[in-house]
PDB file of N, CA and C in Angstrom:
ATOM      1  N   MET A   1       0.853  -1.174   0.000  1.00  0.00           N
ATOM      2  CA  MET A   1       0.000   0.000   0.000  1.00  0.00           C
ATOM      3  C   MET A   1       0.895   1.233   0.000  1.00  0.00           C
ATOM      4  N   ASN A   2       0.614   2.154  -0.905  1.00  0.00           N
ATOM      5  CA  ASN A   2       1.418   3.359  -1.032  1.00  0.00           C
ATOM      6  C   ASN A   2       0.844   4.461  -0.137  1.00  0.00           C
ATOM      7  N   ILE A   3       1.540   4.745   0.957  1.00  0.00           N
ATOM      8  CA  ILE A   3       1.108   5.782   1.897  1.00  0.00           C
ATOM      9  C   ILE A   3       2.011   6.991   1.722  1.00  0.00           C
ATOM     10  N   VAL A   4       1.392   8.158   1.501  1.00  0.00           N
ATOM     11  CA  VAL A   4       2.129   9.402   1.311  1.00  0.00           C
ATOM     12  C   VAL A   4       2.027  10.220   2.596  1.00  0.00           C
ATOM     13  N   LYS A   5       3.179  10.638   3.113  1.00  0.00           N
ATOM     14  CA  LYS A   5       3.200  11.458   4.332  1.00  0.00           C
ATOM     15  C   LYS A   5       3.310  12.924   3.944  1.00  0.00           C
ATOM     16  N   VAL A   6       2.423  13.749   4.515  1.00  0.00           N
ATOM     17  CA  VAL A   6       2.436  15.187   4.267  1.00  0.00           C
ATOM     18  C   VAL A   6       2.850  15.859   5.579  1.00  0.00           C
ATOM     19  N   PRO A   7       4.010  16.518   5.582  1.00  0.00           N
ATOM     20  CA  PRO A   7       4.480  17.130   6.819  1.00  0.00           C
ATOM     21  C   PRO A   7       3.616  18.321   7.244  1.00  0.00           C
ATOM     22  N   GLY A   8       3.618  18.568   8.539  1.00  0.00           N
ATOM     23  CA  GLY A   8       2.890  19.715   9.080  1.00  0.00           C
ATOM     24  C   GLY A   8       3.415  20.024  10.467  1.00  0.00           C
ATOM     25  N   LYS A   9       3.161  21.235  10.936  1.00  0.00           N
ATOM     26  CA  LYS A   9       3.637  21.650  12.260  1.00  0.00           C
ATOM     27  C   LYS A   9       2.863  20.965  13.378  1.00  0.00           C
ATOM     28  N   ASN A  10       1.582  20.695  13.144  1.00  0.00           N
ATOM     29  CA  ASN A  10       0.736  20.085  14.168  1.00  0.00           C
ATOM     30  C   ASN A  10       0.796  18.569  14.022  1.00  0.00           C
ATOM     31  N   LYS A  11       1.516  17.941  14.959  1.00  0.00           N
ATOM     32  CA  LYS A  11       1.702  16.490  14.920  1.00  0.00           C
ATOM     33  C   LYS A  11       0.992  15.819  16.088  1.00  0.00           C
ATOM     34  N   SER A  12       0.042  16.517  16.712  1.00  0.00           N
ATOM     35  CA  SER A  12      -0.599  15.985  17.915  1.00  0.00           C
ATOM     36  C   SER A  12      -1.623  14.892  17.609  1.00  0.00           C
ATOM     37  N   HIS A  13      -1.962  14.709  16.338  1.00  0.00           N
ATOM     38  CA  HIS A  13      -2.913  13.674  15.942  1.00  0.00           C
ATOM     39  C   HIS A  13      -2.301  12.821  14.848  1.00  0.00           C
ATOM     40  N   LYS A  14      -2.636  11.544  14.857  1.00  0.00           N
ATOM     41  CA  LYS A  14      -2.190  10.647  13.790  1.00  0.00           C
ATOM     42  C   LYS A  14      -3.352  10.512  12.810  1.00  0.00           C
ATOM     43  N   VAL A  15      -3.259  11.256  11.715  1.00  0.00           N
ATOM     44  CA  VAL A  15      -4.363  11.339  10.758  1.00  0.00           C
ATOM     45  C   VAL A  15      -4.013  10.556   9.495  1.00  0.00           C
ATOM     46  N   LEU A  16      -4.955   9.708   9.082  1.00  0.00           N
ATOM     47  CA  LEU A  16      -4.832   8.954   7.836  1.00  0.00           C
ATOM     48  C   LEU A  16      -6.065   9.232   6.996  1.00  0.00           C
ATOM     49  N   VAL A  17      -5.854   9.571   5.729  1.00  0.00           N
ATOM     50  CA  VAL A  17      -6.959   9.861   4.816  1.00  0.00           C
ATOM     51  C   VAL A  17      -6.931   8.848   3.681  1.00  0.00           C
ATOM     52  N   TYR A  18      -8.040   8.130   3.518  1.00  0.00           N
ATOM     53  CA  TYR A  18      -8.227   7.301   2.333  1.00  0.00           C
ATOM     54  C   TYR A  18      -8.952   8.187   1.333  1.00  0.00           C
ATOM     55  N   ALA A  19      -8.367   8.361   0.155  1.00  0.00           N
ATOM     56  CA  ALA A  19      -8.902   9.314  -0.813  1.00  0.00           C
ATOM     57  C   ALA A  19      -8.902   8.723  -2.220  1.00  0.00           C
ATOM     58  N   LEU A  20      -9.660   9.381  -3.086  1.00  0.00           N
ATOM     59  CA  LEU A  20      -9.659   9.089  -4.522  1.00  0.00           C
ATOM     60  C   LEU A  20      -9.167  10.342  -5.242  1.00  0.00           C
ATOM     61  N   SER A  21      -8.393  10.175  -6.294  1.00  0.00           N
ATOM     62  CA  SER A  21      -7.828  11.330  -6.999  1.00  0.00           C
ATOM     63  C   SER A  21      -8.895  12.177  -7.694  1.00  0.00           C
ATOM     64  N   THR A  22     -10.039  11.600  -7.997  1.00  0.00           N
ATOM     65  CA  THR A  22     -11.102  12.330  -8.701  1.00  0.00           C
ATOM     66  C   THR A  22     -12.159  12.902  -7.762  1.00  0.00           C
ATOM     67  N   CYS A  23     -11.964  12.764  -6.461  1.00  0.00           N
ATOM     68  CA  CYS A  23     -12.961  13.147  -5.459  1.00  0.00           C
ATOM     69  C   CYS A  23     -12.743  14.593  -4.993  1.00  0.00           C
ATOM     70  N   ALA A  24     -13.738  15.446  -5.196  1.00  0.00           N
ATOM     71  CA  ALA A  24     -13.641  16.853  -4.784  1.00  0.00           C
ATOM     72  C   ALA A  24     -13.529  16.976  -3.263  1.00  0.00           C
ATOM     73  N   GLY A  25     -14.309  16.189  -2.530  1.00  0.00           N
ATOM     74  CA  GLY A  25     -14.254  16.223  -1.073  1.00  0.00           C
ATOM     75  C   GLY A  25     -12.893  15.798  -0.542  1.00  0.00           C
ATOM     76  N   CYS A  26     -12.265  14.864  -1.236  1.00  0.00           N
ATOM     77  CA  CYS A  26     -10.932  14.405  -0.845  1.00  0.00           C
ATOM     78  C   CYS A  26      -9.914  15.536  -1.014  1.00  0.00           C
ATOM     79  N   LYS A  27     -10.004  16.246  -2.124  1.00  0.00           N
ATOM     80  CA  LYS A  27      -9.101  17.374  -2.371  1.00  0.00           C
ATOM     81  C   LYS A  27      -9.308  18.465  -1.327  1.00  0.00           C
ATOM     82  N   LEU A  28     -10.570  18.753  -0.988  1.00  0.00           N
ATOM     83  CA  LEU A  28     -10.871  19.759   0.026  1.00  0.00           C
ATOM     84  C   LEU A  28     -10.334  19.346   1.395  1.00  0.00           C
ATOM     85  N   THR A  29     -10.444  18.072   1.707  1.00  0.00           N
ATOM     86  CA  THR A  29      -9.936  17.573   2.990  1.00  0.00           C
ATOM     87  C   THR A  29      -8.431  17.752   3.081  1.00  0.00           C
ATOM     88  N   LYS A  30      -7.714  17.344   2.046  1.00  0.00           N
ATOM     89  CA  LYS A  30      -6.254  17.467   2.057  1.00  0.00           C
ATOM     90  C   LYS A  30      -5.840  18.935   2.115  1.00  0.00           C
ATOM     91  N   GLN A  31      -6.550  19.784   1.392  1.00  0.00           N
ATOM     92  CA  GLN A  31      -6.267  21.226   1.409  1.00  0.00           C
ATOM     93  C   GLN A  31      -6.511  21.799   2.813  1.00  0.00           C
ATOM     94  N   PHE A  32      -7.611  21.409   3.440  1.00  0.00           N
ATOM     95  CA  PHE A  32      -7.949  21.873   4.782  1.00  0.00           C
ATOM     96  C   PHE A  32      -6.862  21.465   5.789  1.00  0.00           C
ATOM     97  N   LEU A  33      -6.431  20.208   5.728  1.00  0.00           N
ATOM     98  CA  LEU A  33      -5.400  19.728   6.643  1.00  0.00           C
ATOM     99  C   LEU A  33      -4.094  20.485   6.437  1.00  0.00           C
ATOM    100  N   LYS A  34      -3.735  20.699   5.189  1.00  0.00           N
ATOM    101  CA  LYS A  34      -2.492  21.402   4.877  1.00  0.00           C
ATOM    102  C   LYS A  34      -2.553  22.855   5.346  1.00  0.00           C
ATOM    103  N   GLU A  35      -3.676  23.530   5.070  1.00  0.00           N
ATOM    104  CA  GLU A  35      -3.833  24.932   5.477  1.00  0.00           C
ATOM    105  C   GLU A  35      -3.770  25.103   6.990  1.00  0.00           C
ATOM    106  N   ASN A  36      -4.182  24.087   7.720  1.00  0.00           N
ATOM    107  CA  ASN A  36      -4.170  24.149   9.177  1.00  0.00           C
ATOM    108  C   ASN A  36      -2.917  23.527   9.798  1.00  0.00           C
ATOM    109  N   GLY A  37      -1.955  23.189   8.959  1.00  0.00           N
ATOM    110  CA  GLY A  37      -0.669  22.694   9.438  1.00  0.00           C
ATOM    111  C   GLY A  37      -0.715  21.324  10.084  1.00  0.00           C
ATOM    112  N   ILE A  38      -1.726  20.524   9.733  1.00  0.00           N
ATOM    113  CA  ILE A  38      -1.870  19.193  10.314  1.00  0.00           C
ATOM    114  C   ILE A  38      -0.998  18.206   9.532  1.00  0.00           C
ATOM    115  N   GLU A  39      -0.120  17.510  10.235  1.00  0.00           N
ATOM    116  CA  GLU A  39       0.641  16.440   9.587  1.00  0.00           C
ATOM    117  C   GLU A  39      -0.307  15.262   9.379  1.00  0.00           C
ATOM    118  N   TYR A  40      -0.275  14.684   8.190  1.00  0.00           N
ATOM    119  CA  TYR A  40      -1.170  13.556   7.917  1.00  0.00           C
ATOM    120  C   TYR A  40      -0.566  12.646   6.863  1.00  0.00           C
ATOM    121  N   GLU A  41      -1.161  11.482   6.754  1.00  0.00           N
ATOM    122  CA  GLU A  41      -0.799  10.530   5.713  1.00  0.00           C
ATOM    123  C   GLU A  41      -2.040  10.270   4.887  1.00  0.00           C
ATOM    124  N   TYR A  42      -1.838   9.985   3.600  1.00  0.00           N
ATOM    125  CA  TYR A  42      -2.993   9.629   2.776  1.00  0.00           C
ATOM    126  C   TYR A  42      -2.655   8.502   1.823  1.00  0.00           C
ATOM    127  N   VAL A  43      -3.714   7.807   1.456  1.00  0.00           N
ATOM    128  CA  VAL A  43      -3.618   6.712   0.507  1.00  0.00           C
ATOM    129  C   VAL A  43      -4.574   7.018  -0.634  1.00  0.00           C
ATOM    130  N   ASP A  44      -4.057   7.069  -1.854  1.00  0.00           N
ATOM    131  CA  ASP A  44      -4.910   7.216  -3.031  1.00  0.00           C
ATOM    132  C   ASP A  44      -5.402   5.814  -3.369  1.00  0.00           C
ATOM    133  N   VAL A  45      -6.622   5.537  -2.968  1.00  0.00           N
ATOM    134  CA  VAL A  45      -7.185   4.185  -3.055  1.00  0.00           C
ATOM    135  C   VAL A  45      -7.153   3.655  -4.487  1.00  0.00           C
ATOM    136  N   GLY A  46      -7.434   4.494  -5.462  1.00  0.00           N
ATOM    137  CA  GLY A  46      -7.496   4.070  -6.851  1.00  0.00           C
ATOM    138  C   GLY A  46      -6.175   3.584  -7.415  1.00  0.00           C
ATOM    139  N   LEU A  47      -5.079   3.940  -6.784  1.00  0.00           N
ATOM    140  CA  LEU A  47      -3.755   3.551  -7.291  1.00  0.00           C
ATOM    141  C   LEU A  47      -3.226   2.276  -6.646  1.00  0.00           C
ATOM    142  N   ASN A  48      -4.041   1.620  -5.828  1.00  0.00           N
ATOM    143  CA  ASN A  48      -3.604   0.416  -5.120  1.00  0.00           C
ATOM    144  C   ASN A  48      -4.076  -0.855  -5.819  1.00  0.00           C
ATOM    145  N   SER A  49      -3.413  -1.942  -5.464  1.00  0.00           N
ATOM    146  CA  SER A  49      -3.767  -3.247  -6.015  1.00  0.00           C
ATOM    147  C   SER A  49      -5.115  -3.696  -5.455  1.00  0.00           C
ATOM    148  N   TYR A  50      -5.679  -4.711  -6.060  1.00  0.00           N
ATOM    149  CA  TYR A  50      -6.947  -5.258  -5.585  1.00  0.00           C
ATOM    150  C   TYR A  50      -6.829  -5.699  -4.126  1.00  0.00           C
ATOM    151  N   GLU A  51      -5.719  -6.350  -3.788  1.00  0.00           N
ATOM    152  CA  GLU A  51      -5.507  -6.830  -2.419  1.00  0.00           C
ATOM    153  C   GLU A  51      -5.474  -5.671  -1.430  1.00  0.00           C
ATOM    154  N   ASP A  52      -4.767  -4.601  -1.784  1.00  0.00           N
ATOM    155  CA  ASP A  52      -4.700  -3.437  -0.900  1.00  0.00           C
ATOM    156  C   ASP A  52      -6.059  -2.746  -0.786  1.00  0.00           C
ATOM    157  N   LYS A  53      -6.801  -2.708  -1.881  1.00  0.00           N
ATOM    158  CA  LYS A  53      -8.144  -2.116  -1.829  1.00  0.00           C
ATOM    159  C   LYS A  53      -9.042  -2.902  -0.879  1.00  0.00           C
ATOM    160  N   GLU A  54      -8.876  -4.210  -0.850  1.00  0.00           N
ATOM    161  CA  GLU A  54      -9.643  -5.049   0.078  1.00  0.00           C
ATOM    162  C   GLU A  54      -9.259  -4.741   1.530  1.00  0.00           C
ATOM    163  N   LYS A  55      -7.961  -4.538   1.790  1.00  0.00           N
ATOM    164  CA  LYS A  55      -7.501  -4.184   3.137  1.00  0.00           C
ATOM    165  C   LYS A  55      -8.092  -2.840   3.558  1.00  0.00           C
ATOM    166  N   ILE A  56      -8.111  -1.892   2.634  1.00  0.00           N
ATOM    167  CA  ILE A  56      -8.671  -0.560   2.913  1.00  0.00           C
ATOM    168  C   ILE A  56     -10.159  -0.683   3.209  1.00  0.00           C
ATOM    169  N   ARG A  57     -10.861  -1.443   2.383  1.00  0.00           N
ATOM    170  CA  ARG A  57     -12.297  -1.654   2.567  1.00  0.00           C
ATOM    171  C   ARG A  57     -12.576  -2.242   3.943  1.00  0.00           C
ATOM    172  N   LYS A  58     -11.812  -3.273   4.309  1.00  0.00           N
ATOM    173  CA  LYS A  58     -12.000  -3.914   5.612  1.00  0.00           C
ATOM    174  C   LYS A  58     -11.674  -2.962   6.759  1.00  0.00           C
ATOM    175  N   ASP A  59     -10.644  -2.135   6.585  1.00  0.00           N
ATOM    176  CA  ASP A  59     -10.272  -1.171   7.620  1.00  0.00           C
ATOM    177  C   ASP A  59     -11.403  -0.162   7.849  1.00  0.00           C
ATOM    178  N   ILE A  60     -11.933   0.386   6.760  1.00  0.00           N
ATOM    179  CA  ILE A  60     -13.010   1.378   6.873  1.00  0.00           C
ATOM    180  C   ILE A  60     -14.261   0.761   7.495  1.00  0.00           C
ATOM    181  N   LEU A  61     -14.687  -0.377   6.957  1.00  0.00           N
ATOM    182  CA  LEU A  61     -15.897  -1.026   7.476  1.00  0.00           C
ATOM    183  C   LEU A  61     -15.705  -1.518   8.913  1.00  0.00           C
ATOM    184  N   GLY A  62     -14.508  -1.982   9.233  1.00  0.00           N
ATOM    185  CA  GLY A  62     -14.212  -2.459  10.579  1.00  0.00           C
ATOM    186  C   GLY A  62     -14.255  -1.359  11.625  1.00  0.00           C
ATOM    187  N   ARG A  63     -14.094  -0.122  11.186  1.00  0.00           N
ATOM    188  CA  ARG A  63     -14.153   1.029  12.093  1.00  0.00           C
ATOM    189  C   ARG A  63     -15.555   1.637  12.127  1.00  0.00           C
ATOM    190  N   GLY A  64     -16.492   0.992  11.454  1.00  0.00           N
ATOM    191  CA  GLY A  64     -17.873   1.470  11.466  1.00  0.00           C
ATOM    192  C   GLY A  64     -18.182   2.518  10.414  1.00  0.00           C
ATOM    193  N   GLY A  65     -17.283   2.705   9.455  1.00  0.00           N
ATOM    194  CA  GLY A  65     -17.504   3.687   8.399  1.00  0.00           C
ATOM    195  C   GLY A  65     -18.227   3.085   7.212  1.00  0.00           C
ATOM    196  N   SER A  66     -18.521   3.931   6.255  1.00  0.00           N
ATOM    197  CA  SER A  66     -19.114   3.461   5.003  1.00  0.00           C
ATOM    198  C   SER A  66     -18.081   3.629   3.899  1.00  0.00           C
ATOM    199  N   LEU A  67     -18.305   2.969   2.785  1.00  0.00           N
ATOM    200  CA  LEU A  67     -17.352   3.027   1.676  1.00  0.00           C
ATOM    201  C   LEU A  67     -17.587   4.278   0.836  1.00  0.00           C
ATOM    202  N   SER A  68     -17.393   5.424   1.460  1.00  0.00           N
ATOM    203  CA  SER A  68     -17.445   6.699   0.754  1.00  0.00           C
ATOM    204  C   SER A  68     -16.176   7.458   1.111  1.00  0.00           C
ATOM    205  N   TYR A  69     -15.776   8.344   0.220  1.00  0.00           N
ATOM    206  CA  TYR A  69     -14.498   9.030   0.392  1.00  0.00           C
ATOM    207  C   TYR A  69     -14.711  10.529   0.430  1.00  0.00           C
ATOM    208  N   PRO A  70     -13.849  11.221   1.160  1.00  0.00           N
ATOM    209  CA  PRO A  70     -12.715  10.687   1.893  1.00  0.00           C
ATOM    210  C   PRO A  70     -13.153   9.966   3.164  1.00  0.00           C
ATOM    211  N   ALA A  71     -12.308   9.072   3.606  1.00  0.00           N
ATOM    212  CA  ALA A  71     -12.466   8.429   4.908  1.00  0.00           C
ATOM    213  C   ALA A  71     -11.271   8.899   5.726  1.00  0.00           C
ATOM    214  N   ILE A  72     -11.543   9.696   6.753  1.00  0.00           N
ATOM    215  CA  ILE A  72     -10.491  10.290   7.570  1.00  0.00           C
ATOM    216  C   ILE A  72     -10.455   9.567   8.902  1.00  0.00           C
ATOM    217  N   ILE A  73      -9.275   9.089   9.261  1.00  0.00           N
ATOM    218  CA  ILE A  73      -9.119   8.345  10.508  1.00  0.00           C
ATOM    219  C   ILE A  73      -8.155   9.101  11.406  1.00  0.00           C
ATOM    220  N   ASP A  74      -8.597   9.400  12.622  1.00  0.00           N
ATOM    221  CA  ASP A  74      -7.762  10.008  13.647  1.00  0.00           C
ATOM    222  C   ASP A  74      -7.800   9.070  14.844  1.00  0.00           C
ATOM    223  N   ASP A  75      -6.721   8.351  15.057  1.00  0.00           N
ATOM    224  CA  ASP A  75      -6.675   7.315  16.085  1.00  0.00           C
ATOM    225  C   ASP A  75      -7.820   6.339  15.865  1.00  0.00           C
ATOM    226  N   LYS A  76      -8.860   6.368  16.683  1.00  0.00           N
ATOM    227  CA  LYS A  76      -9.947   5.400  16.538  1.00  0.00           C
ATOM    228  C   LYS A  76     -11.229   6.019  15.985  1.00  0.00           C
ATOM    229  N   ILE A  77     -11.189   7.286  15.629  1.00  0.00           N
ATOM    230  CA  ILE A  77     -12.374   7.987  15.124  1.00  0.00           C
ATOM    231  C   ILE A  77     -12.322   8.027  13.604  1.00  0.00           C
ATOM    232  N   LEU A  78     -13.439   7.717  12.952  1.00  0.00           N
ATOM    233  CA  LEU A  78     -13.516   7.761  11.496  1.00  0.00           C
ATOM    234  C   LEU A  78     -14.587   8.753  11.076  1.00  0.00           C
ATOM    235  N   ILE A  79     -14.235   9.609  10.122  1.00  0.00           N
ATOM    236  CA  ILE A  79     -15.175  10.571   9.554  1.00  0.00           C
ATOM    237  C   ILE A  79     -15.282  10.269   8.072  1.00  0.00           C
ATOM    238  N   ASN A  80     -16.502  10.075   7.584  1.00  0.00           N
ATOM    239  CA  ASN A  80     -16.719   9.892   6.145  1.00  0.00           C
ATOM    240  C   ASN A  80     -17.146  11.222   5.549  1.00  0.00           C
ATOM    241  N   GLY A  81     -16.503  11.590   4.443  1.00  0.00           N
ATOM    242  CA  GLY A  81     -16.846  12.829   3.756  1.00  0.00           C
ATOM    243  C   GLY A  81     -16.089  14.013   4.318  1.00  0.00           C
ATOM    244  N   PHE A  82     -16.112  15.113   3.566  1.00  0.00           N
ATOM    245  CA  PHE A  82     -15.450  16.339   4.007  1.00  0.00           C
ATOM    246  C   PHE A  82     -16.366  17.058   4.981  1.00  0.00           C
ATOM    247  N   ARG A  83     -16.095  16.905   6.253  1.00  0.00           N
ATOM    248  CA  ARG A  83     -16.894  17.498   7.339  1.00  0.00           C
ATOM    249  C   ARG A  83     -16.009  18.466   8.109  1.00  0.00           C
ATOM    250  N   LYS A  84     -15.941  19.686   7.617  1.00  0.00           N
ATOM    251  CA  LYS A  84     -15.067  20.700   8.210  1.00  0.00           C
ATOM    252  C   LYS A  84     -15.340  20.866   9.708  1.00  0.00           C
ATOM    253  N   ASP A  85     -16.618  20.872  10.096  1.00  0.00           N
ATOM    254  CA  ASP A  85     -16.983  21.037  11.502  1.00  0.00           C
ATOM    255  C   ASP A  85     -16.436  19.896  12.355  1.00  0.00           C
ATOM    256  N   LYS A  86     -16.586  18.674  11.876  1.00  0.00           N
ATOM    257  CA  LYS A  86     -16.095  17.506  12.614  1.00  0.00           C
ATOM    258  C   LYS A  86     -14.565  17.488  12.678  1.00  0.00           C
ATOM    259  N   LEU A  87     -13.930  17.854  11.572  1.00  0.00           N
ATOM    260  CA  LEU A  87     -12.464  17.889  11.546  1.00  0.00           C
ATOM    261  C   LEU A  87     -11.943  18.901  12.565  1.00  0.00           C
ATOM    262  N   LYS A  88     -12.558  20.069  12.612  1.00  0.00           N
ATOM    263  CA  LYS A  88     -12.138  21.094  13.583  1.00  0.00           C
ATOM    264  C   LYS A  88     -12.298  20.579  15.012  1.00  0.00           C
ATOM    265  N   GLU A  89     -13.403  19.915  15.261  1.00  0.00           N
ATOM    266  CA  GLU A  89     -13.687  19.388  16.591  1.00  0.00           C
ATOM    267  C   GLU A  89     -12.681  18.303  16.974  1.00  0.00           C
ATOM    268  N   ILE A  90     -12.494  17.323  16.132  1.00  0.00           N
ATOM    269  CA  ILE A  90     -11.624  16.179  16.419  1.00  0.00           C
ATOM    270  C   ILE A  90     -10.165  16.599  16.515  1.00  0.00           C
ATOM    271  N   LEU A  91      -9.743  17.497  15.608  1.00  0.00           N
ATOM    272  CA  LEU A  91      -8.334  17.914  15.561  1.00  0.00           C
ATOM    273  C   LEU A  91      -8.044  19.110  16.462  1.00  0.00           C
ATOM    274  N   GLU A  92      -9.087  19.581  17.162  1.00  0.00           N
ATOM    275  CA  GLU A  92      -8.938  20.696  18.106  1.00  0.00           C
ATOM    276  C   GLU A  92      -8.334  21.941  17.449  1.00  0.00           C
ATOM    277  N   ILE A  93      -8.947  22.328  16.349  1.00  0.00           N
ATOM    278  CA  ILE A  93      -8.486  23.508  15.604  1.00  0.00           C
ATOM    279  C   ILE A  93      -9.351  24.699  15.979  1.00  0.00           C
TER     280      ILE A  93
END
């Protein structure tokens, strides 16, 4: 699985974003995290093998999420979709 790390000044949360390259909400999420200096990692789901896509699917569903993108994971909390209000709350921005 190809995980891309995006550096940021705020490293107080371990954020992972499952995203699609064609998803507007995914782009907005990554832009929001970057603008707020949040260090995060992301996986472009569409660029992964079938096996890795299955692992991603199981990870999202296993955390109680739905198969919609972006899927943002902060420790044990999962947010589906670009939810600026929830991101601010969870990341304490």
